[in-house]
Amino acid sequence: MGELRGGAADGAGLVLLRTGVAVPAIGCGTMFLRGSLCEKVVATALGLGYRLVDTASMYGNEVEIGEAIRRSGVPRAELFVVSKVKPDDMG
């Protein structure tokens, strides 16, 4: 794998950040997912090996994502949860 924006890829689907942290290059997006469908999609993605979940407070699906993560059995330390915050919510 070649150079990826944000860092150099290590060839195993990870992007190495300047901090030395290796982040998955591909994740599960949840923008349009709600309710039990959201939980099922995230659980399935985690079961397939995804370790990055992308969400945002404005998606309104944080509870479902949290439940899918909890039920997955994947240790939290192995996961990256990326969340965006609306400017109005920043303090």
PDB file of N, CA and C in Angstrom:
ATOM      1  N   MET A   1       0.843  -1.167   0.000  1.00  0.00           N
ATOM      2  CA  MET A   1       0.000   0.000   0.000  1.00  0.00           C
ATOM      3  C   MET A   1       0.889   1.230   0.000  1.00  0.00           C
ATOM      4  N   GLY A   2       0.526   2.238  -0.759  1.00  0.00           N
ATOM      5  CA  GLY A   2       1.325   3.451  -0.851  1.00  0.00           C
ATOM      6  C   GLY A   2       1.024   4.443   0.244  1.00  0.00           C
ATOM      7  N   GLU A   3       1.545   5.635   0.077  1.00  0.00           N
ATOM      8  CA  GLU A   3       1.345   6.724   1.040  1.00  0.00           C
ATOM      9  C   GLU A   3      -0.132   7.104   1.104  1.00  0.00           C
ATOM     10  N   LEU A   4      -0.657   7.212   2.301  1.00  0.00           N
ATOM     11  CA  LEU A   4      -2.026   7.657   2.507  1.00  0.00           C
ATOM     12  C   LEU A   4      -1.997   9.003   3.206  1.00  0.00           C
ATOM     13  N   ARG A   5      -3.006   9.822   2.930  1.00  0.00           N
ATOM     14  CA  ARG A   5      -3.087  11.124   3.587  1.00  0.00           C
ATOM     15  C   ARG A   5      -3.111  10.935   5.091  1.00  0.00           C
ATOM     16  N   GLY A   6      -2.275  11.624   5.790  1.00  0.00           N
ATOM     17  CA  GLY A   6      -2.239  11.517   7.245  1.00  0.00           C
ATOM     18  C   GLY A   6      -1.110  10.636   7.745  1.00  0.00           C
ATOM     19  N   GLY A   7      -0.480   9.893   6.881  1.00  0.00           N
ATOM     20  CA  GLY A   7       0.604   9.036   7.339  1.00  0.00           C
ATOM     21  C   GLY A   7       0.947   7.992   6.299  1.00  0.00           C
ATOM     22  N   ALA A   8       1.865   7.138   6.646  1.00  0.00           N
ATOM     23  CA  ALA A   8       2.296   6.088   5.729  1.00  0.00           C
ATOM     24  C   ALA A   8       1.571   4.796   6.055  1.00  0.00           C
ATOM     25  N   ALA A   9       1.088   4.136   5.045  1.00  0.00           N
ATOM     26  CA  ALA A   9       0.402   2.855   5.250  1.00  0.00           C
ATOM     27  C   ALA A   9       1.431   1.776   5.535  1.00  0.00           C
ATOM     28  N   ASP A  10       1.056   0.826   6.353  1.00  0.00           N
ATOM     29  CA  ASP A  10       2.001  -0.227   6.718  1.00  0.00           C
ATOM     30  C   ASP A  10       1.789  -1.500   5.912  1.00  0.00           C
ATOM     31  N   GLY A  11       0.851  -1.476   4.957  1.00  0.00           N
ATOM     32  CA  GLY A  11       0.616  -2.653   4.146  1.00  0.00           C
ATOM     33  C   GLY A  11      -0.414  -3.598   4.723  1.00  0.00           C
ATOM     34  N   ALA A  12      -0.917  -3.322   5.923  1.00  0.00           N
ATOM     35  CA  ALA A  12      -1.894  -4.206   6.562  1.00  0.00           C
ATOM     36  C   ALA A  12      -3.220  -3.484   6.785  1.00  0.00           C
ATOM     37  N   GLY A  13      -3.516  -2.482   5.964  1.00  0.00           N
ATOM     38  CA  GLY A  13      -4.770  -1.763   6.096  1.00  0.00           C
ATOM     39  C   GLY A  13      -4.778  -0.743   7.207  1.00  0.00           C
ATOM     40  N   LEU A  14      -3.593  -0.337   7.648  1.00  0.00           N
ATOM     41  CA  LEU A  14      -3.490   0.651   8.718  1.00  0.00           C
ATOM     42  C   LEU A  14      -2.781   1.897   8.215  1.00  0.00           C
ATOM     43  N   VAL A  15      -3.078   3.016   8.824  1.00  0.00           N
ATOM     44  CA  VAL A  15      -2.388   4.264   8.537  1.00  0.00           C
ATOM     45  C   VAL A  15      -1.631   4.647   9.800  1.00  0.00           C
ATOM     46  N   LEU A  16      -0.340   4.849   9.669  1.00  0.00           N
ATOM     47  CA  LEU A  16       0.485   5.227  10.801  1.00  0.00           C
ATOM     48  C   LEU A  16       0.448   6.741  10.953  1.00  0.00           C
ATOM     49  N   LEU A  17      -0.067   7.214  12.086  1.00  0.00           N
ATOM     50  CA  LEU A  17      -0.130   8.641  12.355  1.00  0.00           C
ATOM     51  C   LEU A  17       1.214   9.141  12.870  1.00  0.00           C
ATOM     52  N   ARG A  18       1.398  10.440  12.841  1.00  0.00           N
ATOM     53  CA  ARG A  18       2.660  11.015  13.332  1.00  0.00           C
ATOM     54  C   ARG A  18       2.890  10.708  14.800  1.00  0.00           C
ATOM     55  N   THR A  19       1.835  10.446  15.529  1.00  0.00           N
ATOM     56  CA  THR A  19       1.955  10.107  16.951  1.00  0.00           C
ATOM     57  C   THR A  19       2.456   8.688  17.159  1.00  0.00           C
ATOM     58  N   GLY A  20       2.511   7.901  16.077  1.00  0.00           N
ATOM     59  CA  GLY A  20       2.926   6.513  16.173  1.00  0.00           C
ATOM     60  C   GLY A  20       1.764   5.542  16.292  1.00  0.00           C
ATOM     61  N   VAL A  21       0.551   6.067  16.393  1.00  0.00           N
ATOM     62  CA  VAL A  21      -0.642   5.221  16.485  1.00  0.00           C
ATOM     63  C   VAL A  21      -1.021   4.736  15.088  1.00  0.00           C
ATOM     64  N   ALA A  22      -1.312   3.459  14.964  1.00  0.00           N
ATOM     65  CA  ALA A  22      -1.757   2.881  13.692  1.00  0.00           C
ATOM     66  C   ALA A  22      -3.284   2.789  13.709  1.00  0.00           C
ATOM     67  N   VAL A  23      -3.920   3.473  12.776  1.00  0.00           N
ATOM     68  CA  VAL A  23      -5.379   3.556  12.699  1.00  0.00           C
ATOM     69  C   VAL A  23      -5.852   2.802  11.460  1.00  0.00           C
ATOM     70  N   PRO A  24      -6.954   2.044  11.566  1.00  0.00           N
ATOM     71  CA  PRO A  24      -7.478   1.364  10.384  1.00  0.00           C
ATOM     72  C   PRO A  24      -7.777   2.350   9.253  1.00  0.00           C
ATOM     73  N   ALA A  25      -7.421   1.967   8.039  1.00  0.00           N
ATOM     74  CA  ALA A  25      -7.643   2.825   6.878  1.00  0.00           C
ATOM     75  C   ALA A  25      -9.101   2.800   6.416  1.00  0.00           C
ATOM     76  N   ILE A  26      -9.821   1.755   6.768  1.00  0.00           N
ATOM     77  CA  ILE A  26     -11.223   1.604   6.354  1.00  0.00           C
ATOM     78  C   ILE A  26     -12.065   1.327   7.590  1.00  0.00           C
ATOM     79  N   GLY A  27     -13.221   1.988   7.650  1.00  0.00           N
ATOM     80  CA  GLY A  27     -14.087   1.794   8.799  1.00  0.00           C
ATOM     81  C   GLY A  27     -15.542   1.652   8.394  1.00  0.00           C
ATOM     82  N   CYS A  28     -16.383   1.494   9.384  1.00  0.00           N
ATOM     83  CA  CYS A  28     -17.825   1.354   9.196  1.00  0.00           C
ATOM     84  C   CYS A  28     -18.480   2.710   9.419  1.00  0.00           C
ATOM     85  N   GLY A  29     -19.039   3.291   8.375  1.00  0.00           N
ATOM     86  CA  GLY A  29     -19.755   4.557   8.480  1.00  0.00           C
ATOM     87  C   GLY A  29     -21.189   4.328   8.930  1.00  0.00           C
ATOM     88  N   THR A  30     -21.710   5.233   9.736  1.00  0.00           N
ATOM     89  CA  THR A  30     -23.032   5.030  10.322  1.00  0.00           C
ATOM     90  C   THR A  30     -23.987   6.197  10.100  1.00  0.00           C
ATOM     91  N   MET A  31     -23.688   7.065   9.163  1.00  0.00           N
ATOM     92  CA  MET A  31     -24.451   8.304   8.998  1.00  0.00           C
ATOM     93  C   MET A  31     -25.960   8.104   8.877  1.00  0.00           C
ATOM     94  N   PHE A  32     -26.393   7.146   8.103  1.00  0.00           N
ATOM     95  CA  PHE A  32     -27.826   6.973   7.853  1.00  0.00           C
ATOM     96  C   PHE A  32     -28.442   5.812   8.635  1.00  0.00           C
ATOM     97  N   LEU A  33     -27.717   5.288   9.598  1.00  0.00           N
ATOM     98  CA  LEU A  33     -28.192   4.129  10.348  1.00  0.00           C
ATOM     99  C   LEU A  33     -28.839   4.541  11.660  1.00  0.00           C
ATOM    100  N   ARG A  34     -29.985   3.938  11.946  1.00  0.00           N
ATOM    101  CA  ARG A  34     -30.704   4.218  13.191  1.00  0.00           C
ATOM    102  C   ARG A  34     -31.242   2.908  13.763  1.00  0.00           C
ATOM    103  N   GLY A  35     -31.527   2.915  15.057  1.00  0.00           N
ATOM    104  CA  GLY A  35     -32.208   1.810  15.716  1.00  0.00           C
ATOM    105  C   GLY A  35     -31.507   0.476  15.580  1.00  0.00           C
ATOM    106  N   SER A  36     -32.331  -0.569  15.492  1.00  0.00           N
ATOM    107  CA  SER A  36     -31.794  -1.931  15.463  1.00  0.00           C
ATOM    108  C   SER A  36     -30.960  -2.197  14.213  1.00  0.00           C
ATOM    109  N   LEU A  37     -31.262  -1.512  13.103  1.00  0.00           N
ATOM    110  CA  LEU A  37     -30.450  -1.684  11.896  1.00  0.00           C
ATOM    111  C   LEU A  37     -29.030  -1.188  12.151  1.00  0.00           C
ATOM    112  N   CYS A  38     -28.896  -0.067  12.822  1.00  0.00           N
ATOM    113  CA  CYS A  38     -27.573   0.462  13.154  1.00  0.00           C
ATOM    114  C   CYS A  38     -26.798  -0.546  13.994  1.00  0.00           C
ATOM    115  N   GLU A  39     -27.443  -1.049  15.011  1.00  0.00           N
ATOM    116  CA  GLU A  39     -26.791  -2.014  15.896  1.00  0.00           C
ATOM    117  C   GLU A  39     -26.359  -3.257  15.124  1.00  0.00           C
ATOM    118  N   LYS A  40     -27.215  -3.737  14.240  1.00  0.00           N
ATOM    119  CA  LYS A  40     -26.910  -4.944  13.466  1.00  0.00           C
ATOM    120  C   LYS A  40     -25.746  -4.699  12.500  1.00  0.00           C
ATOM    121  N   VAL A  41     -25.749  -3.564  11.811  1.00  0.00           N
ATOM    122  CA  VAL A  41     -24.680  -3.264  10.858  1.00  0.00           C
ATOM    123  C   VAL A  41     -23.334  -3.135  11.573  1.00  0.00           C
ATOM    124  N   VAL A  42     -23.311  -2.408  12.673  1.00  0.00           N
ATOM    125  CA  VAL A  42     -22.056  -2.228  13.410  1.00  0.00           C
ATOM    126  C   VAL A  42     -21.577  -3.564  13.974  1.00  0.00           C
ATOM    127  N   ALA A  43     -22.482  -4.357  14.535  1.00  0.00           N
ATOM    128  CA  ALA A  43     -22.101  -5.670  15.061  1.00  0.00           C
ATOM    129  C   ALA A  43     -21.542  -6.566  13.955  1.00  0.00           C
ATOM    130  N   THR A  44     -22.169  -6.535  12.794  1.00  0.00           N
ATOM    131  CA  THR A  44     -21.698  -7.337  11.659  1.00  0.00           C
ATOM    132  C   THR A  44     -20.319  -6.870  11.209  1.00  0.00           C
ATOM    133  N   ALA A  45     -20.136  -5.562  11.109  1.00  0.00           N
ATOM    134  CA  ALA A  45     -18.833  -5.022  10.704  1.00  0.00           C
ATOM    135  C   ALA A  45     -17.743  -5.441  11.679  1.00  0.00           C
ATOM    136  N   LEU A  46     -18.033  -5.351  12.969  1.00  0.00           N
ATOM    137  CA  LEU A  46     -17.046  -5.757  13.971  1.00  0.00           C
ATOM    138  C   LEU A  46     -16.752  -7.249  13.860  1.00  0.00           C
ATOM    139  N   GLY A  47     -17.779  -8.035  13.601  1.00  0.00           N
ATOM    140  CA  GLY A  47     -17.595  -9.476  13.432  1.00  0.00           C
ATOM    141  C   GLY A  47     -16.758  -9.828  12.211  1.00  0.00           C
ATOM    142  N   LEU A  48     -16.808  -8.962  11.199  1.00  0.00           N
ATOM    143  CA  LEU A  48     -16.031  -9.176   9.975  1.00  0.00           C
ATOM    144  C   LEU A  48     -14.596  -8.670  10.095  1.00  0.00           C
ATOM    145  N   GLY A  49     -14.300  -8.006  11.209  1.00  0.00           N
ATOM    146  CA  GLY A  49     -12.935  -7.543  11.420  1.00  0.00           C
ATOM    147  C   GLY A  49     -12.735  -6.039  11.376  1.00  0.00           C
ATOM    148  N   TYR A  50     -13.769  -5.287  11.072  1.00  0.00           N
ATOM    149  CA  TYR A  50     -13.630  -3.831  11.112  1.00  0.00           C
ATOM    150  C   TYR A  50     -13.287  -3.421  12.543  1.00  0.00           C
ATOM    151  N   ARG A  51     -12.404  -2.419  12.666  1.00  0.00           N
ATOM    152  CA  ARG A  51     -12.044  -1.941  13.995  1.00  0.00           C
ATOM    153  C   ARG A  51     -12.168  -0.423  14.104  1.00  0.00           C
ATOM    154  N   LEU A  52     -12.734   0.214  13.091  1.00  0.00           N
ATOM    155  CA  LEU A  52     -12.991   1.648  13.133  1.00  0.00           C
ATOM    156  C   LEU A  52     -14.472   1.876  12.852  1.00  0.00           C
ATOM    157  N   VAL A  53     -15.129   2.629  13.720  1.00  0.00           N
ATOM    158  CA  VAL A  53     -16.536   2.979  13.543  1.00  0.00           C
ATOM    159  C   VAL A  53     -16.616   4.498  13.509  1.00  0.00           C
ATOM    160  N   ASP A  54     -17.247   5.023  12.462  1.00  0.00           N
ATOM    161  CA  ASP A  54     -17.381   6.461  12.297  1.00  0.00           C
ATOM    162  C   ASP A  54     -18.806   6.889  12.609  1.00  0.00           C
ATOM    163  N   THR A  55     -18.949   7.898  13.472  1.00  0.00           N
ATOM    164  CA  THR A  55     -20.256   8.399  13.853  1.00  0.00           C
ATOM    165  C   THR A  55     -20.168   9.901  14.098  1.00  0.00           C
ATOM    166  N   ALA A  56     -21.250  10.483  14.553  1.00  0.00           N
ATOM    167  CA  ALA A  56     -21.294  11.901  14.931  1.00  0.00           C
ATOM    168  C   ALA A  56     -22.475  12.096  15.855  1.00  0.00           C
ATOM    169  N   SER A  57     -22.372  13.074  16.746  1.00  0.00           N
ATOM    170  CA  SER A  57     -23.476  13.315  17.674  1.00  0.00           C
ATOM    171  C   SER A  57     -24.765  13.627  16.929  1.00  0.00           C
ATOM    172  N   MET A  58     -24.660  14.300  15.794  1.00  0.00           N
ATOM    173  CA  MET A  58     -25.881  14.663  15.056  1.00  0.00           C
ATOM    174  C   MET A  58     -26.537  13.471  14.354  1.00  0.00           C
ATOM    175  N   TYR A  59     -25.855  12.317  14.266  1.00  0.00           N
ATOM    176  CA  TYR A  59     -26.475  11.132  13.670  1.00  0.00           C
ATOM    177  C   TYR A  59     -27.534  10.537  14.593  1.00  0.00           C
ATOM    178  N   GLY A  60     -27.405  10.766  15.891  1.00  0.00           N
ATOM    179  CA  GLY A  60     -28.382  10.262  16.842  1.00  0.00           C
ATOM    180  C   GLY A  60     -28.370   8.754  17.029  1.00  0.00           C
ATOM    181  N   ASN A  61     -27.211   8.125  16.810  1.00  0.00           N
ATOM    182  CA  ASN A  61     -27.153   6.664  16.914  1.00  0.00           C
ATOM    183  C   ASN A  61     -26.070   6.183  17.885  1.00  0.00           C
ATOM    184  N   GLU A  62     -25.660   7.037  18.769  1.00  0.00           N
ATOM    185  CA  GLU A  62     -24.566   6.691  19.676  1.00  0.00           C
ATOM    186  C   GLU A  62     -24.919   5.534  20.612  1.00  0.00           C
ATOM    187  N   VAL A  63     -26.164   5.485  21.072  1.00  0.00           N
ATOM    188  CA  VAL A  63     -26.583   4.402  21.968  1.00  0.00           C
ATOM    189  C   VAL A  63     -26.481   3.058  21.248  1.00  0.00           C
ATOM    190  N   GLU A  64     -26.969   2.997  20.022  1.00  0.00           N
ATOM    191  CA  GLU A  64     -26.945   1.751  19.253  1.00  0.00           C
ATOM    192  C   GLU A  64     -25.513   1.307  18.957  1.00  0.00           C
ATOM    193  N   ILE A  65     -24.657   2.253  18.635  1.00  0.00           N
ATOM    194  CA  ILE A  65     -23.257   1.917  18.368  1.00  0.00           C
ATOM    195  C   ILE A  65     -22.605   1.383  19.636  1.00  0.00           C
ATOM    196  N   GLY A  66     -22.852   2.040  20.745  1.00  0.00           N
ATOM    197  CA  GLY A  66     -22.305   1.575  22.015  1.00  0.00           C
ATOM    198  C   GLY A  66     -22.776   0.174  22.362  1.00  0.00           C
ATOM    199  N   GLU A  67     -24.041  -0.096  22.115  1.00  0.00           N
ATOM    200  CA  GLU A  67     -24.591  -1.426  22.414  1.00  0.00           C
ATOM    201  C   GLU A  67     -23.965  -2.488  21.508  1.00  0.00           C
ATOM    202  N   ALA A  68     -23.795  -2.167  20.236  1.00  0.00           N
ATOM    203  CA  ALA A  68     -23.169  -3.120  19.310  1.00  0.00           C
ATOM    204  C   ALA A  68     -21.737  -3.416  19.736  1.00  0.00           C
ATOM    205  N   ILE A  69     -21.022  -2.386  20.148  1.00  0.00           N
ATOM    206  CA  ILE A  69     -19.646  -2.577  20.611  1.00  0.00           C
ATOM    207  C   ILE A  69     -19.635  -3.442  21.866  1.00  0.00           C
ATOM    208  N   ARG A  70     -20.509  -3.139  22.799  1.00  0.00           N
ATOM    209  CA  ARG A  70     -20.560  -3.909  24.047  1.00  0.00           C
ATOM    210  C   ARG A  70     -20.850  -5.378  23.776  1.00  0.00           C
ATOM    211  N   ARG A  71     -21.815  -5.639  22.933  1.00  0.00           N
ATOM    212  CA  ARG A  71     -22.221  -7.025  22.644  1.00  0.00           C
ATOM    213  C   ARG A  71     -21.225  -7.773  21.761  1.00  0.00           C
ATOM    214  N   SER A  72     -20.373  -7.058  21.034  1.00  0.00           N
ATOM    215  CA  SER A  72     -19.465  -7.696  20.078  1.00  0.00           C
ATOM    216  C   SER A  72     -18.412  -8.568  20.754  1.00  0.00           C
ATOM    217  N   GLY A  73     -18.046  -8.223  21.972  1.00  0.00           N
ATOM    218  CA  GLY A  73     -16.981  -8.950  22.644  1.00  0.00           C
ATOM    219  C   GLY A  73     -15.594  -8.499  22.235  1.00  0.00           C
ATOM    220  N   VAL A  74     -15.505  -7.556  21.299  1.00  0.00           N
ATOM    221  CA  VAL A  74     -14.204  -7.032  20.890  1.00  0.00           C
ATOM    222  C   VAL A  74     -13.720  -6.092  21.988  1.00  0.00           C
ATOM    223  N   PRO A  75     -12.511  -6.296  22.489  1.00  0.00           N
ATOM    224  CA  PRO A  75     -12.005  -5.410  23.534  1.00  0.00           C
ATOM    225  C   PRO A  75     -11.986  -3.952  23.063  1.00  0.00           C
ATOM    226  N   ARG A  76     -12.458  -3.063  23.903  1.00  0.00           N
ATOM    227  CA  ARG A  76     -12.552  -1.643  23.535  1.00  0.00           C
ATOM    228  C   ARG A  76     -11.199  -1.088  23.104  1.00  0.00           C
ATOM    229  N   ALA A  77     -10.122  -1.578  23.695  1.00  0.00           N
ATOM    230  CA  ALA A  77      -8.782  -1.101  23.354  1.00  0.00           C
ATOM    231  C   ALA A  77      -8.399  -1.394  21.903  1.00  0.00           C
ATOM    232  N   GLU A  78      -9.099  -2.325  21.254  1.00  0.00           N
ATOM    233  CA  GLU A  78      -8.823  -2.661  19.854  1.00  0.00           C
ATOM    234  C   GLU A  78      -9.610  -1.793  18.876  1.00  0.00           C
ATOM    235  N   LEU A  79     -10.514  -0.960  19.375  1.00  0.00           N
ATOM    236  CA  LEU A  79     -11.421  -0.212  18.508  1.00  0.00           C
ATOM    237  C   LEU A  79     -11.082   1.265  18.445  1.00  0.00           C
ATOM    238  N   PHE A  80     -11.389   1.854  17.297  1.00  0.00           N
ATOM    239  CA  PHE A  80     -11.328   3.295  17.110  1.00  0.00           C
ATOM    240  C   PHE A  80     -12.741   3.763  16.810  1.00  0.00           C
ATOM    241  N   VAL A  81     -13.241   4.664  17.626  1.00  0.00           N
ATOM    242  CA  VAL A  81     -14.555   5.247  17.381  1.00  0.00           C
ATOM    243  C   VAL A  81     -14.318   6.718  17.078  1.00  0.00           C
ATOM    244  N   VAL A  82     -14.631   7.104  15.843  1.00  0.00           N
ATOM    245  CA  VAL A  82     -14.439   8.477  15.399  1.00  0.00           C
ATOM    246  C   VAL A  82     -15.790   9.166  15.460  1.00  0.00           C
ATOM    247  N   SER A  83     -15.850  10.301  16.148  1.00  0.00           N
ATOM    248  CA  SER A  83     -17.098  11.029  16.271  1.00  0.00           C
ATOM    249  C   SER A  83     -16.856  12.505  16.011  1.00  0.00           C
ATOM    250  N   LYS A  84     -17.778  13.103  15.277  1.00  0.00           N
ATOM    251  CA  LYS A  84     -17.697  14.531  15.021  1.00  0.00           C
ATOM    252  C   LYS A  84     -18.657  15.259  15.969  1.00  0.00           C
ATOM    253  N   VAL A  85     -18.301  16.493  16.298  1.00  0.00           N
ATOM    254  CA  VAL A  85     -19.122  17.309  17.200  1.00  0.00           C
ATOM    255  C   VAL A  85     -19.516  18.575  16.454  1.00  0.00           C
ATOM    256  N   LYS A  86     -20.782  18.963  16.575  1.00  0.00           N
ATOM    257  CA  LYS A  86     -21.246  20.198  15.956  1.00  0.00           C
ATOM    258  C   LYS A  86     -20.546  21.383  16.607  1.00  0.00           C
ATOM    259  N   PRO A  87     -20.236  22.430  15.836  1.00  0.00           N
ATOM    260  CA  PRO A  87     -19.576  23.611  16.412  1.00  0.00           C
ATOM    261  C   PRO A  87     -20.339  24.176  17.615  1.00  0.00           C
ATOM    262  N   ASP A  88     -21.659  24.127  17.593  1.00  0.00           N
ATOM    263  CA  ASP A  88     -22.445  24.659  18.697  1.00  0.00           C
ATOM    264  C   ASP A  88     -22.244  23.870  19.994  1.00  0.00           C
ATOM    265  N   ASP A  89     -21.796  22.604  19.867  1.00  0.00           N
ATOM    266  CA  ASP A  89     -21.594  21.760  21.045  1.00  0.00           C
ATOM    267  C   ASP A  89     -20.184  21.835  21.605  1.00  0.00           C
ATOM    268  N   MET A  90     -19.319  22.572  20.939  1.00  0.00           N
ATOM    269  CA  MET A  90     -17.940  22.685  21.403  1.00  0.00           C
ATOM    270  C   MET A  90     -17.852  23.789  22.447  1.00  0.00           C
ATOM    271  N   GLY A  91     -17.066  23.520  23.468  1.00  0.00           N
ATOM    272  CA  GLY A  91     -16.957  24.508  24.536  1.00  0.00           C
ATOM    273  C   GLY A  91     -15.558  25.005  24.723  1.00  0.00           C
TER     274      GLY A  91
END
